[in-house]
Amino acid sequence: MRAALLTPNEVAALAETSKTVVEKALEQKVFGAGRGASGRLLPLHAVALAAAVKSLGRRLTVNDKRLVARELAALSPSAMKTAEIEVAPAVVLRVGPLTRDAVERAERYAADRDAFIEVAEGVQGGRPVIKGTRLTVSAIHGRLSSGDTIETLMEDYPDIPRGAFEAALLYAKTHPQVGRPVLRHRGSAA
């Protein structure tokens, strides 16, 4: 199984921090070289680091962040949830309690995103959809933003599991549609 890679937006959302925290870490080369076509895809441990940085505020130097990132990169996701990292003599960062929930969210999201979301040429103009359907992640986001619940969606689409809807919602939030908005003119014939 290949390691999950996440966009900076996904990392920020999963760590429940601002995108600025992640962008700053990228700028400071805390995560090392990014992978992927854009060079900006990040490994799972980026979520753990972003959650720790959020919890600790400005108490970590850039070198401390790099050290913590290197140590986290060497750990399995389960080990990250209990990790303790020595950042200086007699200073141990208990990363596990700071990041456990974020790492679990990231693992669940990455697995569900890869299992349920696809971009297929010829399906809905290449927009992301739930695999095997024409239901776009933006349509799911729109319904949930308009007051529907995941339970309502599950009633409307009983063959689609909850994890697919949860992944679609986060995916839509972290991958905004690109392009010009549709202009609607009053009184003009279409």
C-alpha atoms as a PDB file:
ATOM      1  CA  MET A   1       0.000   0.000   0.000  1.00  0.00           C
ATOM      2  CA  ARG A   2       1.381   3.407  -0.948  1.00  0.00           C
ATOM      3  CA  ALA A   3       1.655   6.160   1.613  1.00  0.00           C
ATOM      4  CA  ALA A   4      -1.107   8.743   1.562  1.00  0.00           C
ATOM      5  CA  LEU A   5      -0.159  12.147   0.200  1.00  0.00           C
ATOM      6  CA  LEU A   6      -2.161  15.207   1.132  1.00  0.00           C
ATOM      7  CA  THR A   7      -2.459  18.742  -0.205  1.00  0.00           C
ATOM      8  CA  PRO A   8      -1.566  21.662   2.086  1.00  0.00           C
ATOM      9  CA  ASN A   9      -5.287  22.488   2.321  1.00  0.00           C
ATOM     10  CA  GLU A  10      -6.065  18.929   3.410  1.00  0.00           C
ATOM     11  CA  VAL A  11      -3.253  18.990   5.992  1.00  0.00           C
ATOM     12  CA  ALA A  12      -4.560  22.255   7.458  1.00  0.00           C
ATOM     13  CA  ALA A  13      -8.156  21.018   7.604  1.00  0.00           C
ATOM     14  CA  LEU A  14      -7.213  17.682   9.169  1.00  0.00           C
ATOM     15  CA  ALA A  15      -4.929  19.345  11.740  1.00  0.00           C
ATOM     16  CA  GLU A  16      -7.696  21.884  12.405  1.00  0.00           C
ATOM     17  CA  THR A  17      -5.297  24.757  11.906  1.00  0.00           C
ATOM     18  CA  SER A  18      -4.987  27.597   9.443  1.00  0.00           C
ATOM     19  CA  LYS A  19      -3.511  27.080   6.019  1.00  0.00           C
ATOM     20  CA  THR A  20      -0.930  29.718   7.016  1.00  0.00           C
ATOM     21  CA  VAL A  21       0.679  27.275   9.497  1.00  0.00           C
ATOM     22  CA  VAL A  22       1.158  24.713   6.719  1.00  0.00           C
ATOM     23  CA  GLU A  23       2.284  27.265   4.128  1.00  0.00           C
ATOM     24  CA  LYS A  24       4.826  28.675   6.603  1.00  0.00           C
ATOM     25  CA  ALA A  25       6.216  25.180   7.217  1.00  0.00           C
ATOM     26  CA  LEU A  26       6.470  24.640   3.449  1.00  0.00           C
ATOM     27  CA  GLU A  27       8.240  27.980   3.065  1.00  0.00           C
ATOM     28  CA  GLN A  28      10.667  27.028   5.849  1.00  0.00           C
ATOM     29  CA  LYS A  29      11.244  23.623   4.173  1.00  0.00           C
ATOM     30  CA  VAL A  30      10.198  21.874   7.361  1.00  0.00           C
ATOM     31  CA  PHE A  31       8.713  18.908   5.501  1.00  0.00           C
ATOM     32  CA  GLY A  32      11.685  18.437   3.182  1.00  0.00           C
ATOM     33  CA  ALA A  33      11.089  18.193  -0.545  1.00  0.00           C
ATOM     34  CA  GLY A  34       7.446  17.889  -1.507  1.00  0.00           C
ATOM     35  CA  ARG A  35       6.342  15.164  -3.870  1.00  0.00           C
ATOM     36  CA  GLY A  36       3.847  14.981  -6.691  1.00  0.00           C
ATOM     37  CA  ALA A  37       3.386  16.946  -9.868  1.00  0.00           C
ATOM     38  CA  SER A  38       3.232  20.271  -8.093  1.00  0.00           C
ATOM     39  CA  GLY A  39       5.891  19.402  -5.502  1.00  0.00           C
ATOM     40  CA  ARG A  40       3.373  20.297  -2.801  1.00  0.00           C
ATOM     41  CA  LEU A  41       1.920  16.958  -1.759  1.00  0.00           C
ATOM     42  CA  LEU A  42       2.699  16.168   1.854  1.00  0.00           C
ATOM     43  CA  PRO A  43       2.965  12.917   3.816  1.00  0.00           C
ATOM     44  CA  LEU A  44       0.697  11.952   6.712  1.00  0.00           C
ATOM     45  CA  HIS A  45       3.217  13.090   9.298  1.00  0.00           C
ATOM     46  CA  ALA A  46       2.670  16.686   8.077  1.00  0.00           C
ATOM     47  CA  VAL A  47      -0.751  16.522   9.755  1.00  0.00           C
ATOM     48  CA  ALA A  48       0.873  15.462  13.034  1.00  0.00           C
ATOM     49  CA  LEU A  49       3.431  18.264  12.810  1.00  0.00           C
ATOM     50  CA  ALA A  50       0.794  20.895  11.944  1.00  0.00           C
ATOM     51  CA  ALA A  51      -1.368  19.750  14.876  1.00  0.00           C
ATOM     52  CA  ALA A  52       1.627  19.932  17.236  1.00  0.00           C
ATOM     53  CA  VAL A  53       2.609  23.390  15.980  1.00  0.00           C
ATOM     54  CA  LYS A  54      -0.980  24.577  16.423  1.00  0.00           C
ATOM     55  CA  SER A  55      -1.042  23.243  19.996  1.00  0.00           C
ATOM     56  CA  LEU A  56       2.324  24.720  20.923  1.00  0.00           C
ATOM     57  CA  GLY A  57       1.952  28.039  19.179  1.00  0.00           C
ATOM     58  CA  ARG A  58       5.266  29.792  18.534  1.00  0.00           C
ATOM     59  CA  ARG A  59       7.244  27.722  20.998  1.00  0.00           C
ATOM     60  CA  LEU A  60       9.042  25.685  18.327  1.00  0.00           C
ATOM     61  CA  THR A  61      11.900  27.119  16.296  1.00  0.00           C
ATOM     62  CA  VAL A  62      12.288  26.257  12.628  1.00  0.00           C
ATOM     63  CA  ASN A  63      15.075  23.817  13.521  1.00  0.00           C
ATOM     64  CA  ASP A  64      12.833  22.232  16.180  1.00  0.00           C
ATOM     65  CA  LYS A  65      10.065  21.820  13.593  1.00  0.00           C
ATOM     66  CA  ARG A  66      12.503  20.198  11.166  1.00  0.00           C
ATOM     67  CA  LEU A  67      13.725  17.840  13.880  1.00  0.00           C
ATOM     68  CA  VAL A  68      10.168  16.888  14.844  1.00  0.00           C
ATOM     69  CA  ALA A  69       9.249  16.405  11.158  1.00  0.00           C
ATOM     70  CA  ARG A  70      12.259  14.095  10.601  1.00  0.00           C
ATOM     71  CA  GLU A  71      11.420  12.057  13.687  1.00  0.00           C
ATOM     72  CA  LEU A  72       7.736  11.797  12.731  1.00  0.00           C
ATOM     73  CA  ALA A  73       8.636  10.780   9.176  1.00  0.00           C
ATOM     74  CA  ALA A  74      10.439   7.738  10.560  1.00  0.00           C
ATOM     75  CA  LEU A  75       7.361   6.577  12.513  1.00  0.00           C
ATOM     76  CA  SER A  76       4.339   4.561  11.502  1.00  0.00           C
ATOM     77  CA  PRO A  77       0.966   6.278  11.924  1.00  0.00           C
ATOM     78  CA  SER A  78       0.253   4.178  15.009  1.00  0.00           C
ATOM     79  CA  ALA A  79       3.620   5.121  16.542  1.00  0.00           C
ATOM     80  CA  MET A  80       2.911   8.827  15.875  1.00  0.00           C
ATOM     81  CA  LYS A  81      -0.096   8.586  18.178  1.00  0.00           C
ATOM     82  CA  THR A  82       2.136   7.846  21.186  1.00  0.00           C
ATOM     83  CA  ALA A  83       5.419   9.475  20.128  1.00  0.00           C
ATOM     84  CA  GLU A  84       7.706  11.435  22.407  1.00  0.00           C
ATOM     85  CA  ILE A  85      10.495  13.407  20.704  1.00  0.00           C
ATOM     86  CA  GLU A  86      13.464  14.991  22.432  1.00  0.00           C
ATOM     87  CA  VAL A  87      13.860  18.491  20.978  1.00  0.00           C
ATOM     88  CA  ALA A  88      16.618  19.592  23.371  1.00  0.00           C
ATOM     89  CA  PRO A  89      18.420  18.094  26.353  1.00  0.00           C
ATOM     90  CA  ALA A  90      15.782  17.508  29.032  1.00  0.00           C
ATOM     91  CA  VAL A  91      13.008  18.828  26.720  1.00  0.00           C
ATOM     92  CA  VAL A  92      10.726  16.099  25.435  1.00  0.00           C
ATOM     93  CA  LEU A  93       7.762  16.870  23.221  1.00  0.00           C
ATOM     94  CA  ARG A  94       4.895  14.456  23.841  1.00  0.00           C
ATOM     95  CA  VAL A  95       3.639  14.535  20.268  1.00  0.00           C
ATOM     96  CA  GLY A  96       1.155  11.688  20.629  1.00  0.00           C
ATOM     97  CA  PRO A  97      -1.390  13.411  22.861  1.00  0.00           C
ATOM     98  CA  LEU A  98      -1.151  16.608  20.778  1.00  0.00           C
ATOM     99  CA  THR A  99      -1.682  14.874  17.448  1.00  0.00           C
ATOM    100  CA  ARG A 100      -3.531  11.582  17.998  1.00  0.00           C
ATOM    101  CA  ASP A 101      -6.964  12.828  16.887  1.00  0.00           C
ATOM    102  CA  ALA A 102      -5.562  14.618  13.837  1.00  0.00           C
ATOM    103  CA  VAL A 103      -3.567  11.559  12.721  1.00  0.00           C
ATOM    104  CA  GLU A 104      -6.632   9.336  13.108  1.00  0.00           C
ATOM    105  CA  ARG A 105      -8.740  11.812  11.082  1.00  0.00           C
ATOM    106  CA  ALA A 106      -6.044  11.935   8.405  1.00  0.00           C
ATOM    107  CA  GLU A 107      -5.767   8.146   8.167  1.00  0.00           C
ATOM    108  CA  ARG A 108      -9.550   7.777   7.857  1.00  0.00           C
ATOM    109  CA  TYR A 109      -9.854  10.605   5.337  1.00  0.00           C
ATOM    110  CA  ALA A 110      -6.966   9.426   3.131  1.00  0.00           C
ATOM    111  CA  ALA A 111      -8.331   5.874   3.029  1.00  0.00           C
ATOM    112  CA  ASP A 112     -11.877   7.038   2.259  1.00  0.00           C
ATOM    113  CA  ARG A 113     -10.714   9.652  -0.266  1.00  0.00           C
ATOM    114  CA  ASP A 114      -8.713   7.024  -2.152  1.00  0.00           C
ATOM    115  CA  ALA A 115     -11.510   4.435  -1.906  1.00  0.00           C
ATOM    116  CA  PHE A 116     -14.470   6.621  -2.832  1.00  0.00           C
ATOM    117  CA  ILE A 117     -13.432   9.714  -4.809  1.00  0.00           C
ATOM    118  CA  GLU A 118     -12.275   9.769  -8.396  1.00  0.00           C
ATOM    119  CA  VAL A 119     -11.748  12.146 -11.251  1.00  0.00           C
ATOM    120  CA  ALA A 120     -12.647  10.340 -14.454  1.00  0.00           C
ATOM    121  CA  GLU A 121     -12.425  11.794 -17.923  1.00  0.00           C
ATOM    122  CA  GLY A 122     -15.887  11.941 -19.440  1.00  0.00           C
ATOM    123  CA  VAL A 123     -17.719  11.877 -16.098  1.00  0.00           C
ATOM    124  CA  GLN A 124     -19.186  15.207 -15.030  1.00  0.00           C
ATOM    125  CA  GLY A 125     -16.631  17.123 -17.062  1.00  0.00           C
ATOM    126  CA  GLY A 126     -13.723  15.639 -15.120  1.00  0.00           C
ATOM    127  CA  ARG A 127     -14.946  16.991 -11.779  1.00  0.00           C
ATOM    128  CA  PRO A 128     -14.388  14.807  -8.684  1.00  0.00           C
ATOM    129  CA  VAL A 129     -17.217  12.342  -8.066  1.00  0.00           C
ATOM    130  CA  ILE A 130     -18.066   9.430  -5.798  1.00  0.00           C
ATOM    131  CA  LYS A 131     -16.618   6.409  -7.633  1.00  0.00           C
ATOM    132  CA  GLY A 132     -19.111   4.606  -9.811  1.00  0.00           C
ATOM    133  CA  THR A 133     -21.596   7.490  -9.719  1.00  0.00           C
ATOM    134  CA  ARG A 134     -22.116  10.876 -11.303  1.00  0.00           C
ATOM    135  CA  LEU A 135     -22.533  12.491  -7.872  1.00  0.00           C
ATOM    136  CA  THR A 136     -19.959  15.286  -7.600  1.00  0.00           C
ATOM    137  CA  VAL A 137     -18.211  16.208  -4.370  1.00  0.00           C
ATOM    138  CA  SER A 138     -19.305  19.809  -4.970  1.00  0.00           C
ATOM    139  CA  ALA A 139     -22.963  18.694  -5.081  1.00  0.00           C
ATOM    140  CA  ILE A 140     -22.492  16.901  -1.746  1.00  0.00           C
ATOM    141  CA  HIS A 141     -20.821  19.990  -0.276  1.00  0.00           C
ATOM    142  CA  GLY A 142     -23.638  22.164  -1.586  1.00  0.00           C
ATOM    143  CA  ARG A 143     -26.347  20.014  -0.037  1.00  0.00           C
ATOM    144  CA  LEU A 144     -24.565  19.798   3.316  1.00  0.00           C
ATOM    145  CA  SER A 145     -23.902  23.556   3.290  1.00  0.00           C
ATOM    146  CA  SER A 146     -27.589  24.159   2.581  1.00  0.00           C
ATOM    147  CA  GLY A 147     -28.714  22.274   5.672  1.00  0.00           C
ATOM    148  CA  ASP A 148     -28.984  18.643   4.606  1.00  0.00           C
ATOM    149  CA  THR A 149     -27.316  16.089   6.853  1.00  0.00           C
ATOM    150  CA  ILE A 150     -25.175  13.102   5.992  1.00  0.00           C
ATOM    151  CA  GLU A 151     -28.069  10.943   7.218  1.00  0.00           C
ATOM    152  CA  THR A 152     -30.342  12.586   4.620  1.00  0.00           C
ATOM    153  CA  LEU A 153     -27.787  11.917   1.901  1.00  0.00           C
ATOM    154  CA  MET A 154     -27.477   8.297   3.057  1.00  0.00           C
ATOM    155  CA  GLU A 155     -31.270   7.923   2.752  1.00  0.00           C
ATOM    156  CA  ASP A 156     -31.172   9.411  -0.757  1.00  0.00           C
ATOM    157  CA  TYR A 157     -28.166   7.277  -1.774  1.00  0.00           C
ATOM    158  CA  PRO A 158     -28.362   4.073   0.300  1.00  0.00           C
ATOM    159  CA  ASP A 159     -25.554   2.369  -1.648  1.00  0.00           C
ATOM    160  CA  ILE A 160     -23.011   5.038  -0.701  1.00  0.00           C
ATOM    161  CA  PRO A 161     -21.367   4.632   2.722  1.00  0.00           C
ATOM    162  CA  ARG A 162     -21.027   7.432   5.288  1.00  0.00           C
ATOM    163  CA  GLY A 163     -17.236   7.552   4.815  1.00  0.00           C
ATOM    164  CA  ALA A 164     -17.713   8.493   1.160  1.00  0.00           C
ATOM    165  CA  PHE A 165     -19.862  11.498   2.086  1.00  0.00           C
ATOM    166  CA  GLU A 166     -17.488  12.595   4.849  1.00  0.00           C
ATOM    167  CA  ALA A 167     -14.485  12.338   2.515  1.00  0.00           C
ATOM    168  CA  ALA A 168     -16.360  14.155  -0.257  1.00  0.00           C
ATOM    169  CA  LEU A 169     -17.204  17.037   2.075  1.00  0.00           C
ATOM    170  CA  LEU A 170     -13.592  17.546   3.201  1.00  0.00           C
ATOM    171  CA  TYR A 171     -12.337  17.054  -0.359  1.00  0.00           C
ATOM    172  CA  ALA A 172     -14.736  19.719  -1.675  1.00  0.00           C
ATOM    173  CA  LYS A 173     -13.702  22.145   1.071  1.00  0.00           C
ATOM    174  CA  THR A 174      -9.993  21.628   0.417  1.00  0.00           C
ATOM    175  CA  HIS A 175     -10.157  21.482  -3.405  1.00  0.00           C
ATOM    176  CA  PRO A 176     -12.286  24.476  -4.395  1.00  0.00           C
ATOM    177  CA  GLN A 177     -13.530  24.517  -7.959  1.00  0.00           C
ATOM    178  CA  VAL A 178     -11.425  26.614 -10.272  1.00  0.00           C
ATOM    179  CA  GLY A 179     -12.935  28.824 -12.900  1.00  0.00           C
ATOM    180  CA  ARG A 180     -15.259  31.669 -13.385  1.00  0.00           C
ATOM    181  CA  PRO A 181     -18.561  31.710 -11.548  1.00  0.00           C
ATOM    182  CA  VAL A 182     -21.693  31.317 -13.614  1.00  0.00           C
ATOM    183  CA  LEU A 183     -23.255  34.710 -14.260  1.00  0.00           C
ATOM    184  CA  ARG A 184     -27.017  34.825 -14.108  1.00  0.00           C
ATOM    185  CA  HIS A 185     -28.648  37.841 -15.732  1.00  0.00           C
ATOM    186  CA  ARG A 186     -32.198  38.764 -14.846  1.00  0.00           C
ATOM    187  CA  GLY A 187     -34.565  39.061 -17.697  1.00  0.00           C
ATOM    188  CA  SER A 188     -32.213  37.571 -20.282  1.00  0.00           C
ATOM    189  CA  ALA A 189     -33.275  34.585 -22.311  1.00  0.00           C
ATOM    190  CA  ALA A 190     -31.028  31.605 -22.128  1.00  0.00           C
END
